[in-house]
Amino acid sequence: MTTTEQPVKKQFIAGAVCPACEAMDTIRMWTQDGTQHRDCVQCGFSDYLNQYGQSVPAELPTRVNQDGSAKPVKKGKTMQFFPNPKLKNKDAGE
């Protein structure tokens, strides 16, 4: 006898509004390995909930949590401006 896993049953939540696209009645919820998951069938938003039913935010990408393969910053060129002798300064005496 072989054991097969039952497919995960995803249920639509009546009256639920998607936090991303604000569409109503597009949120599905299911439990997998003791963790509640939800997603939006309209915009593709998905996240999971902790044991208190609160959404667990994804970590924002920052320079601290990124890998070190960032491109080096290009250095700018130094420019020097010279006054145009053909232009007369109105403030200076003529």
Protein backbone atom coordinates (compact mmCIF):
# COMPACT_ATOMS: atom_id res chain seq x y z
CA MET A 1 0.00 0.00 0.00
CA THR A 2 1.29 3.44 -0.89
CA THR A 3 0.38 6.62 0.86
CA THR A 4 -0.44 9.64 -1.22
CA GLU A 5 -0.85 13.14 0.06
CA GLN A 6 -4.22 14.71 -0.39
CA PRO A 7 -4.25 17.89 -2.46
CA VAL A 8 -4.46 21.12 -0.49
CA LYS A 9 -8.00 22.48 -0.36
CA LYS A 10 -8.02 26.21 -1.13
CA GLN A 11 -11.13 28.13 -0.06
CA PHE A 12 -12.35 31.55 -1.14
CA ILE A 13 -13.06 33.90 1.76
CA ALA A 14 -16.38 35.73 1.31
CA GLY A 15 -16.12 39.50 1.63
CA ALA A 16 -12.32 39.51 1.96
CA VAL A 17 -10.53 42.39 0.24
CA CYS A 18 -7.08 41.98 -1.29
CA PRO A 19 -4.51 44.19 0.48
CA ALA A 20 -2.69 44.84 -2.80
CA CYS A 21 -5.37 45.45 -5.47
CA GLU A 22 -8.36 45.99 -3.11
CA ALA A 23 -10.56 43.60 -5.13
CA MET A 24 -13.32 41.92 -3.15
CA ASP A 25 -13.93 38.15 -3.09
CA THR A 26 -10.64 37.22 -4.78
CA ILE A 27 -8.74 35.92 -1.72
CA ARG A 28 -8.13 32.18 -1.29
CA MET A 29 -6.86 30.66 1.98
CA TRP A 30 -5.41 27.26 2.78
CA THR A 31 -3.34 25.58 5.49
CA GLN A 32 -0.14 23.78 4.61
CA ASP A 33 2.20 22.29 7.22
CA GLY A 34 0.38 24.19 9.98
CA THR A 35 0.84 27.59 8.31
CA GLN A 36 -2.07 29.56 6.86
CA HIS A 37 -1.46 30.92 3.38
CA ARG A 38 -3.53 33.33 1.31
CA ASP A 39 -3.36 34.65 -2.23
CA CYS A 40 -5.34 36.82 -4.63
CA VAL A 41 -6.48 35.24 -7.89
CA GLN A 42 -6.76 38.65 -9.57
CA CYS A 43 -3.38 40.32 -8.95
CA GLY A 44 -1.22 37.41 -7.70
CA PHE A 45 -0.57 38.83 -4.22
CA SER A 46 0.38 36.12 -1.72
CA ASP A 47 1.57 35.91 1.87
CA TYR A 48 1.23 33.74 4.95
CA LEU A 49 -0.11 34.30 8.44
CA ASN A 50 1.52 33.64 11.81
CA GLN A 51 -0.13 31.75 14.67
CA TYR A 52 -2.01 34.92 15.73
CA GLY A 53 -3.55 35.46 12.28
CA GLN A 54 -1.31 38.44 11.50
CA SER A 55 0.28 38.84 8.09
CA VAL A 56 4.03 38.23 8.12
CA PRO A 57 5.66 41.03 6.12
CA ALA A 58 8.40 40.19 3.66
CA GLU A 59 11.81 41.63 4.46
CA LEU A 60 12.48 44.78 2.45
CA PRO A 61 15.56 44.62 0.26
CA THR A 62 18.28 46.86 1.68
CA ARG A 63 22.00 47.15 1.09
CA VAL A 64 22.58 45.23 4.33
CA ASN A 65 20.63 42.09 3.38
CA GLN A 66 21.68 42.03 -0.31
CA ASP A 67 24.56 40.00 -1.67
CA GLY A 68 27.88 41.80 -2.26
CA SER A 69 27.79 41.60 -6.04
CA ALA A 70 26.57 45.17 -6.48
CA LYS A 71 27.89 47.20 -9.37
CA PRO A 72 30.58 49.73 -8.44
CA VAL A 73 29.56 53.37 -8.44
CA LYS A 74 30.76 55.24 -11.50
CA LYS A 75 32.89 58.26 -10.70
CA GLY A 76 31.99 61.51 -12.37
CA LYS A 77 34.29 63.63 -14.47
CA THR A 78 35.66 66.92 -13.19
CA MET A 79 34.59 69.84 -15.33
CA GLN A 80 36.13 73.28 -15.42
CA PHE A 81 34.26 76.31 -16.72
CA PHE A 82 35.99 79.33 -18.24
CA PRO A 83 34.34 82.74 -18.60
CA ASN A 84 33.43 83.68 -22.14
CA PRO A 85 35.27 86.94 -22.97
CA LYS A 86 32.72 87.76 -25.69
CA LEU A 87 29.94 88.10 -23.14
CA LYS A 88 29.87 91.40 -21.31
CA ASN A 89 28.92 91.56 -17.67
CA LYS A 90 26.20 94.20 -17.20
CA ASP A 91 27.13 94.69 -13.54
CA ALA A 92 30.75 95.54 -14.34
CA GLY A 93 31.45 99.08 -15.51
CA GLU A 94 31.67 99.55 -19.27
